[in-house]
């Protein structure tokens, strides 16, 4: 396992917990989508070098910040 895998996995778990705490509605669905993106990134990071995932991670963080607004 790589460091990126562990990092993305931790973010995926945190995002799904945040989604579970939200009431049903569009914000919850968006937060679940963010969690799925982190999960997919963690699966990819297990197979490829860490440096290739920085841009993907930054895009996922921007999306998560937009959901939080």
PDB file of N, CA and C in Angstrom:
ATOM      1  N   UNK A   1       0.837  -1.194   0.000  1.00  0.00           N
ATOM      2  CA  UNK A   1       0.000   0.000   0.000  1.00  0.00           C
ATOM      3  C   UNK A   1       0.871   1.243   0.000  1.00  0.00           C
ATOM      4  N   UNK A   2       0.372   2.247  -0.652  1.00  0.00           N
ATOM      5  CA  UNK A   2       1.109   3.500  -0.726  1.00  0.00           C
ATOM      6  C   UNK A   2       0.538   4.513   0.248  1.00  0.00           C
ATOM      7  N   UNK A   3       1.260   5.587   0.438  1.00  0.00           N
ATOM      8  CA  UNK A   3       0.779   6.655   1.311  1.00  0.00           C
ATOM      9  C   UNK A   3      -0.469   7.313   0.729  1.00  0.00           C
ATOM     10  N   UNK A   4      -0.498   7.481  -0.587  1.00  0.00           N
ATOM     11  CA  UNK A   4      -1.655   8.107  -1.225  1.00  0.00           C
ATOM     12  C   UNK A   4      -2.904   7.260  -0.994  1.00  0.00           C
ATOM     13  N   UNK A   5      -2.751   5.953  -1.054  1.00  0.00           N
ATOM     14  CA  UNK A   5      -3.899   5.068  -0.824  1.00  0.00           C
ATOM     15  C   UNK A   5      -4.485   5.303   0.567  1.00  0.00           C
ATOM     16  N   UNK A   6      -3.632   5.305   1.565  1.00  0.00           N
ATOM     17  CA  UNK A   6      -4.095   5.507   2.943  1.00  0.00           C
ATOM     18  C   UNK A   6      -4.731   6.884   3.118  1.00  0.00           C
ATOM     19  N   UNK A   7      -4.133   7.882   2.492  1.00  0.00           N
ATOM     20  CA  UNK A   7      -4.634   9.248   2.603  1.00  0.00           C
ATOM     21  C   UNK A   7      -6.019   9.376   1.971  1.00  0.00           C
ATOM     22  N   UNK A   8      -6.169   8.865   0.755  1.00  0.00           N
ATOM     23  CA  UNK A   8      -7.466   8.917   0.081  1.00  0.00           C
ATOM     24  C   UNK A   8      -8.511   8.096   0.825  1.00  0.00           C
ATOM     25  N   UNK A   9      -8.115   6.960   1.337  1.00  0.00           N
ATOM     26  CA  UNK A   9      -9.057   6.099   2.064  1.00  0.00           C
ATOM     27  C   UNK A   9      -9.570   6.815   3.319  1.00  0.00           C
ATOM     28  N   UNK A  10      -8.674   7.485   4.030  1.00  0.00           N
ATOM     29  CA  UNK A  10      -9.083   8.233   5.221  1.00  0.00           C
ATOM     30  C   UNK A  10     -10.075   9.343   4.847  1.00  0.00           C
ATOM     31  N   UNK A  11      -9.824  10.022   3.736  1.00  0.00           N
ATOM     32  CA  UNK A  11     -10.752  11.069   3.291  1.00  0.00           C
ATOM     33  C   UNK A  11     -12.088  10.474   2.865  1.00  0.00           C
ATOM     34  N   UNK A  12     -12.059   9.318   2.230  1.00  0.00           N
ATOM     35  CA  UNK A  12     -13.307   8.660   1.823  1.00  0.00           C
ATOM     36  C   UNK A  12     -14.141   8.286   3.035  1.00  0.00           C
ATOM     37  N   UNK A  13     -13.510   7.758   4.059  1.00  0.00           N
ATOM     38  CA  UNK A  13     -14.225   7.371   5.275  1.00  0.00           C
ATOM     39  C   UNK A  13     -14.814   8.602   5.958  1.00  0.00           C
ATOM     40  N   UNK A  14     -14.014   9.667   6.038  1.00  0.00           N
ATOM     41  CA  UNK A  14     -14.513  10.903   6.660  1.00  0.00           C
ATOM     42  C   UNK A  14     -15.678  11.491   5.864  1.00  0.00           C
ATOM     43  N   UNK A  15     -15.593  11.429   4.545  1.00  0.00           N
ATOM     44  CA  UNK A  15     -16.659  11.989   3.702  1.00  0.00           C
ATOM     45  C   UNK A  15     -17.947  11.191   3.838  1.00  0.00           C
ATOM     46  N   UNK A  16     -17.856   9.878   3.918  1.00  0.00           N
ATOM     47  CA  UNK A  16     -19.075   9.070   4.050  1.00  0.00           C
ATOM     48  C   UNK A  16     -19.698   9.263   5.427  1.00  0.00           C
ATOM     49  N   UNK A  17     -18.879   9.440   6.434  1.00  0.00           N
ATOM     50  CA  UNK A  17     -19.425   9.712   7.773  1.00  0.00           C
ATOM     51  C   UNK A  17     -20.139  11.060   7.793  1.00  0.00           C
ATOM     52  N   UNK A  18     -19.552  12.038   7.094  1.00  0.00           N
ATOM     53  CA  UNK A  18     -20.181  13.355   7.013  1.00  0.00           C
ATOM     54  C   UNK A  18     -21.513  13.252   6.273  1.00  0.00           C
ATOM     55  N   UNK A  19     -21.550  12.446   5.207  1.00  0.00           N
ATOM     56  CA  UNK A  19     -22.788  12.273   4.451  1.00  0.00           C
ATOM     57  C   UNK A  19     -23.860  11.597   5.298  1.00  0.00           C
ATOM     58  N   UNK A  20     -23.475  10.626   6.088  1.00  0.00           N
ATOM     59  CA  UNK A  20     -24.447   9.930   6.937  1.00  0.00           C
ATOM     60  C   UNK A  20     -25.042  10.850   7.990  1.00  0.00           C
ATOM     61  N   UNK A  21     -24.294  11.866   8.393  1.00  0.00           N
ATOM     62  CA  UNK A  21     -24.775  12.800   9.407  1.00  0.00           C
ATOM     63  C   UNK A  21     -25.727  13.842   8.834  1.00  0.00           C
ATOM     64  N   UNK A  22     -25.694  14.027   7.521  1.00  0.00           N
ATOM     65  CA  UNK A  22     -26.558  15.023   6.890  1.00  0.00           C
ATOM     66  C   UNK A  22     -27.985  14.494   6.738  1.00  0.00           C
ATOM     67  N   UNK A  23     -28.974  15.383   6.751  1.00  0.00           N
ATOM     68  CA  UNK A  23     -30.351  14.948   6.477  1.00  0.00           C
ATOM     69  C   UNK A  23     -30.499  14.564   5.003  1.00  0.00           C
ATOM     70  N   UNK A  24     -31.499  13.770   4.709  1.00  0.00           N
ATOM     71  CA  UNK A  24     -31.724  13.351   3.324  1.00  0.00           C
ATOM     72  C   UNK A  24     -31.974  14.571   2.445  1.00  0.00           C
ATOM     73  N   UNK A  25     -31.389  14.525   1.259  1.00  0.00           N
ATOM     74  CA  UNK A  25     -31.576  15.634   0.334  1.00  0.00           C
ATOM     75  C   UNK A  25     -30.405  15.749  -0.617  1.00  0.00           C
ATOM     76  N   UNK A  26     -30.383  16.831  -1.376  1.00  0.00           N
ATOM     77  CA  UNK A  26     -29.339  16.981  -2.396  1.00  0.00           C
ATOM     78  C   UNK A  26     -27.931  17.129  -1.814  1.00  0.00           C
ATOM     79  N   UNK A  27     -27.804  17.778  -0.669  1.00  0.00           N
ATOM     80  CA  UNK A  27     -26.472  17.941  -0.077  1.00  0.00           C
ATOM     81  C   UNK A  27     -25.898  16.596   0.346  1.00  0.00           C
ATOM     82  N   UNK A  28     -26.741  15.735   0.846  1.00  0.00           N
ATOM     83  CA  UNK A  28     -26.294  14.401   1.247  1.00  0.00           C
ATOM     84  C   UNK A  28     -25.826  13.612   0.023  1.00  0.00           C
ATOM     85  N   UNK A  29     -26.573  13.710  -1.072  1.00  0.00           N
ATOM     86  CA  UNK A  29     -26.198  13.009  -2.299  1.00  0.00           C
ATOM     87  C   UNK A  29     -24.866  13.528  -2.832  1.00  0.00           C
ATOM     88  N   UNK A  30     -24.666  14.840  -2.778  1.00  0.00           N
ATOM     89  CA  UNK A  30     -23.404  15.413  -3.240  1.00  0.00           C
ATOM     90  C   UNK A  30     -22.245  14.946  -2.368  1.00  0.00           C
ATOM     91  N   UNK A  31     -22.458  14.894  -1.069  1.00  0.00           N
ATOM     92  CA  UNK A  31     -21.401  14.441  -0.165  1.00  0.00           C
ATOM     93  C   UNK A  31     -21.088  12.966  -0.406  1.00  0.00           C
ATOM     94  N   UNK A  32     -22.095  12.169  -0.710  1.00  0.00           N
ATOM     95  CA  UNK A  32     -21.863  10.763  -1.038  1.00  0.00           C
ATOM     96  C   UNK A  32     -21.071  10.631  -2.332  1.00  0.00           C
ATOM     97  N   UNK A  33     -21.310  11.532  -3.276  1.00  0.00           N
ATOM     98  CA  UNK A  33     -20.544  11.530  -4.522  1.00  0.00           C
ATOM     99  C   UNK A  33     -19.083  11.847  -4.249  1.00  0.00           C
ATOM    100  N   UNK A  34     -18.845  12.811  -3.373  1.00  0.00           N
ATOM    101  CA  UNK A  34     -17.475  13.140  -2.977  1.00  0.00           C
ATOM    102  C   UNK A  34     -16.805  11.910  -2.356  1.00  0.00           C
ATOM    103  N   UNK A  35     -17.508  11.208  -1.509  1.00  0.00           N
ATOM    104  CA  UNK A  35     -16.954  10.003  -0.886  1.00  0.00           C
ATOM    105  C   UNK A  35     -16.618   8.950  -1.935  1.00  0.00           C
ATOM    106  N   UNK A  36     -17.482   8.805  -2.932  1.00  0.00           N
ATOM    107  CA  UNK A  36     -17.201   7.834  -4.005  1.00  0.00           C
ATOM    108  C   UNK A  36     -15.969   8.231  -4.806  1.00  0.00           C
ATOM    109  N   UNK A  37     -15.793   9.527  -5.041  1.00  0.00           N
ATOM    110  CA  UNK A  37     -14.607  10.000  -5.768  1.00  0.00           C
ATOM    111  C   UNK A  37     -13.351   9.663  -4.977  1.00  0.00           C
ATOM    112  N   UNK A  38     -13.354   9.944  -3.682  1.00  0.00           N
ATOM    113  CA  UNK A  38     -12.200   9.608  -2.848  1.00  0.00           C
ATOM    114  C   UNK A  38     -11.940   8.105  -2.856  1.00  0.00           C
ATOM    115  N   UNK A  39     -12.994   7.320  -2.817  1.00  0.00           N
ATOM    116  CA  UNK A  39     -12.835   5.867  -2.827  1.00  0.00           C
ATOM    117  C   UNK A  39     -12.198   5.401  -4.138  1.00  0.00           C
ATOM    118  N   UNK A  40     -12.673   5.936  -5.251  1.00  0.00           N
ATOM    119  CA  UNK A  40     -12.081   5.579  -6.542  1.00  0.00           C
ATOM    120  C   UNK A  40     -10.621   6.029  -6.630  1.00  0.00           C
ATOM    121  N   UNK A  41     -10.328   7.203  -6.102  1.00  0.00           N
ATOM    122  CA  UNK A  41      -8.945   7.672  -6.097  1.00  0.00           C
ATOM    123  C   UNK A  41      -8.060   6.766  -5.246  1.00  0.00           C
ATOM    124  N   UNK A  42      -8.592   6.272  -4.142  1.00  0.00           N
ATOM    125  CA  UNK A  42      -7.790   5.375  -3.300  1.00  0.00           C
ATOM    126  C   UNK A  42      -7.509   4.063  -4.026  1.00  0.00           C
ATOM    127  N   UNK A  43      -8.489   3.578  -4.774  1.00  0.00           N
ATOM    128  CA  UNK A  43      -8.273   2.343  -5.533  1.00  0.00           C
ATOM    129  C   UNK A  43      -7.229   2.541  -6.624  1.00  0.00           C
ATOM    130  N   UNK A  44      -7.265   3.695  -7.283  1.00  0.00           N
ATOM    131  CA  UNK A  44      -6.261   3.992  -8.303  1.00  0.00           C
ATOM    132  C   UNK A  44      -4.885   4.185  -7.686  1.00  0.00           C
ATOM    133  N   UNK A  45      -4.825   4.828  -6.530  1.00  0.00           N
ATOM    134  CA  UNK A  45      -3.548   5.105  -5.879  1.00  0.00           C
ATOM    135  C   UNK A  45      -2.852   3.820  -5.437  1.00  0.00           C
ATOM    136  N   UNK A  46      -3.608   2.771  -5.218  1.00  0.00           N
ATOM    137  CA  UNK A  46      -3.000   1.503  -4.835  1.00  0.00           C
ATOM    138  C   UNK A  46      -2.210   0.900  -5.988  1.00  0.00           C
ATOM    139  N   UNK A  47      -2.508   1.338  -7.206  1.00  0.00           N
ATOM    140  CA  UNK A  47      -1.871   0.744  -8.382  1.00  0.00           C
ATOM    141  C   UNK A  47      -0.828   1.629  -9.046  1.00  0.00           C
ATOM    142  N   UNK A  48      -0.879   2.938  -8.836  1.00  0.00           N
ATOM    143  CA  UNK A  48       0.000   3.872  -9.543  1.00  0.00           C
ATOM    144  C   UNK A  48       0.830   4.689  -8.547  1.00  0.00           C
ATOM    145  N   UNK A  49       1.875   5.328  -9.016  1.00  0.00           N
ATOM    146  CA  UNK A  49       2.702   6.171  -8.140  1.00  0.00           C
ATOM    147  C   UNK A  49       1.908   7.330  -7.526  1.00  0.00           C
ATOM    148  N   UNK A  50       2.363   7.809  -6.406  1.00  0.00           N
ATOM    149  CA  UNK A  50       1.673   8.842  -5.640  1.00  0.00           C
ATOM    150  C   UNK A  50       1.570  10.179  -6.363  1.00  0.00           C
ATOM    151  N   UNK A  51       2.588  10.568  -7.087  1.00  0.00           N
ATOM    152  CA  UNK A  51       2.663  11.914  -7.658  1.00  0.00           C
ATOM    153  C   UNK A  51       1.558  12.169  -8.676  1.00  0.00           C
ATOM    154  N   UNK A  52       1.060  11.130  -9.310  1.00  0.00           N
ATOM    155  CA  UNK A  52       0.052  11.296 -10.350  1.00  0.00           C
ATOM    156  C   UNK A  52      -1.323  11.648  -9.795  1.00  0.00           C
ATOM    157  N   UNK A  53      -1.507  11.550  -8.512  1.00  0.00           N
ATOM    158  CA  UNK A  53      -2.832  11.752  -7.934  1.00  0.00           C
ATOM    159  C   UNK A  53      -3.016  13.109  -7.273  1.00  0.00           C
ATOM    160  N   UNK A  54      -2.010  13.957  -7.308  1.00  0.00           N
ATOM    161  CA  UNK A  54      -2.118  15.256  -6.646  1.00  0.00           C
ATOM    162  C   UNK A  54      -3.198  16.127  -7.268  1.00  0.00           C
ATOM    163  N   UNK A  55      -3.246  16.200  -8.583  1.00  0.00           N
ATOM    164  CA  UNK A  55      -4.267  17.019  -9.248  1.00  0.00           C
ATOM    165  C   UNK A  55      -5.664  16.471  -8.985  1.00  0.00           C
ATOM    166  N   UNK A  56      -5.804  15.136  -8.994  1.00  0.00           N
ATOM    167  CA  UNK A  56      -7.101  14.526  -8.707  1.00  0.00           C
ATOM    168  C   UNK A  56      -7.542  14.847  -7.286  1.00  0.00           C
ATOM    169  N   UNK A  57      -6.604  14.797  -6.364  1.00  0.00           N
ATOM    170  CA  UNK A  57      -6.932  15.093  -4.967  1.00  0.00           C
ATOM    171  C   UNK A  57      -7.360  16.543  -4.810  1.00  0.00           C
ATOM    172  N   UNK A  58      -6.656  17.447  -5.455  1.00  0.00           N
ATOM    173  CA  UNK A  58      -7.013  18.865  -5.357  1.00  0.00           C
ATOM    174  C   UNK A  58      -8.409  19.123  -5.937  1.00  0.00           C
ATOM    175  N   UNK A  59      -8.729  18.452  -7.019  1.00  0.00           N
ATOM    176  CA  UNK A  59     -10.064  18.612  -7.617  1.00  0.00           C
ATOM    177  C   UNK A  59     -11.140  18.075  -6.680  1.00  0.00           C
ATOM    178  N   UNK A  60     -10.878  16.955  -6.035  1.00  0.00           N
ATOM    179  CA  UNK A  60     -11.847  16.391  -5.088  1.00  0.00           C
ATOM    180  C   UNK A  60     -12.019  17.303  -3.877  1.00  0.00           C
ATOM    181  N   UNK A  61     -10.947  17.910  -3.405  1.00  0.00           N
ATOM    182  CA  UNK A  61     -11.042  18.832  -2.270  1.00  0.00           C
ATOM    183  C   UNK A  61     -11.868  20.064  -2.639  1.00  0.00           C
ATOM    184  N   UNK A  62     -11.678  20.585  -3.865  1.00  0.00           N
ATOM    185  CA  UNK A  62     -12.479  21.736  -4.303  1.00  0.00           C
ATOM    186  C   UNK A  62     -13.956  21.370  -4.349  1.00  0.00           C
ATOM    187  N   UNK A  63     -14.258  20.194  -4.851  1.00  0.00           N
ATOM    188  CA  UNK A  63     -15.641  19.733  -4.907  1.00  0.00           C
ATOM    189  C   UNK A  63     -16.225  19.608  -3.503  1.00  0.00           C
ATOM    190  N   UNK A  64     -15.440  19.069  -2.581  1.00  0.00           N
ATOM    191  CA  UNK A  64     -15.927  18.919  -1.208  1.00  0.00           C
ATOM    192  C   UNK A  64     -16.182  20.277  -0.554  1.00  0.00           C
ATOM    193  N   UNK A  65     -15.332  21.247  -0.834  1.00  0.00           N
ATOM    194  CA  UNK A  65     -15.534  22.594  -0.286  1.00  0.00           C
ATOM    195  C   UNK A  65     -16.801  23.227  -0.847  1.00  0.00           C
ATOM    196  N   UNK A  66     -17.106  22.973  -2.115  1.00  0.00           N
ATOM    197  CA  UNK A  66     -18.313  23.513  -2.720  1.00  0.00           C
ATOM    198  C   UNK A  66     -19.561  22.888  -2.110  1.00  0.00           C
ATOM    199  N   UNK A  67     -19.487  21.610  -1.754  1.00  0.00           N
ATOM    200  CA  UNK A  67     -20.618  20.945  -1.122  1.00  0.00           C
ATOM    201  C   UNK A  67     -20.849  21.534   0.260  1.00  0.00           C
ATOM    202  N   UNK A  68     -19.785  21.889   0.955  1.00  0.00           N
ATOM    203  CA  UNK A  68     -19.890  22.420   2.306  1.00  0.00           C
ATOM    204  C   UNK A  68     -20.535  23.796   2.386  1.00  0.00           C
ATOM    205  N   UNK A  69     -20.622  24.495   1.288  1.00  0.00           N
ATOM    206  CA  UNK A  69     -21.182  25.851   1.302  1.00  0.00           C
ATOM    207  C   UNK A  69     -22.654  25.861   1.407  1.00  0.00           C
TER     208      UNK A  69
END
